[in-house]
Amino acid sequence: MRDYGRSLELAAALIGGTAGGDYRTLVATRLNECFRGTVTMFFDGPRMTAVVPDEVASLSWEEFHRECGSSHPLEQAHVLDGPPVPVAVSDVLTDLAWRENPSYRSAHRELDGSIRQLAIPAPGPGGANTGFLVCRSGRDFTPQEREFADRVYPLIGTIFTHMAEVGRLRHRVPGPAPADPGLTPRELTVLHLSAEGHTAAAVARRLGISTHTVNKHLENSYRKCGTRDRLTTVLLVRELGLVPPGH
């Protein structure tokens, strides 16, 4: 319960724009702490874009990945078995089969025996095979830890969906964003989508939140902008350059 509470705090900070640093690295760090990992990696398709903690980030990860390649059982499980879910090596291989796998030998040699491995997927663009790999030595992941992985998986999905939407909308606004009336990143994202013509229900589906929460963000935006409705607020933030022109 404590680990899930800390994960919720991180999600709130990332969505609220108060957490500094790359969100993938921050999530990897929190997962590594919660699962008492030796190392946690984030894979963006074939590329490894985050490794924690710092003392292992300097290892030759490209060589590690080249040696293991697509032979890692969890990578194969995600590719072949449909929609990804949190899964451990012990879910898909016997101990004997795992010991004969190149990834086992690399982990045993390079990761100080961290042969206990758990994959937690994250939504990637176009259905890309992306997610986190938590590695540790010692005992396998317990039923309680598996339950925690199942609970935190949707939370990670919400974070990644939000950050992808923020990145997409920021990319469409040319030049640096001017000063705004103190809107949070979440409020600004809701206004971006509203400016594109999405209803509150559609915005809620895009961001993985409730319609009530969308309306609450809109109400907060009206208060900060000194406006009374969505259209007036959208026109104001458009004039400020905070939404793309023509929407």
Foldseek 3Di string as FASTA:
>chain_A
DVLVVVLVVLLCCLLQVNDDDDSVQVVQVSVCVVQVFLKKWKDFFLDTDYIDDPVLPPDPVVVLCVQQPCQPPQSVCCVPVPHDAKDKPVVGDDPVVLCPHSNQVSCVPRVVNFSTKIWQFEDHPPRGGITMITTHHDDHQDPVNSVVSRVCNVSRNLSVLSVVLLVVFVVQQPDDQDDDLPQGSNLLSLLQVVLVVDDLCRSCVSNVHDSVVSVVSVVVQCVSVVHDDSVVSSVVSVVSSSGHPPD
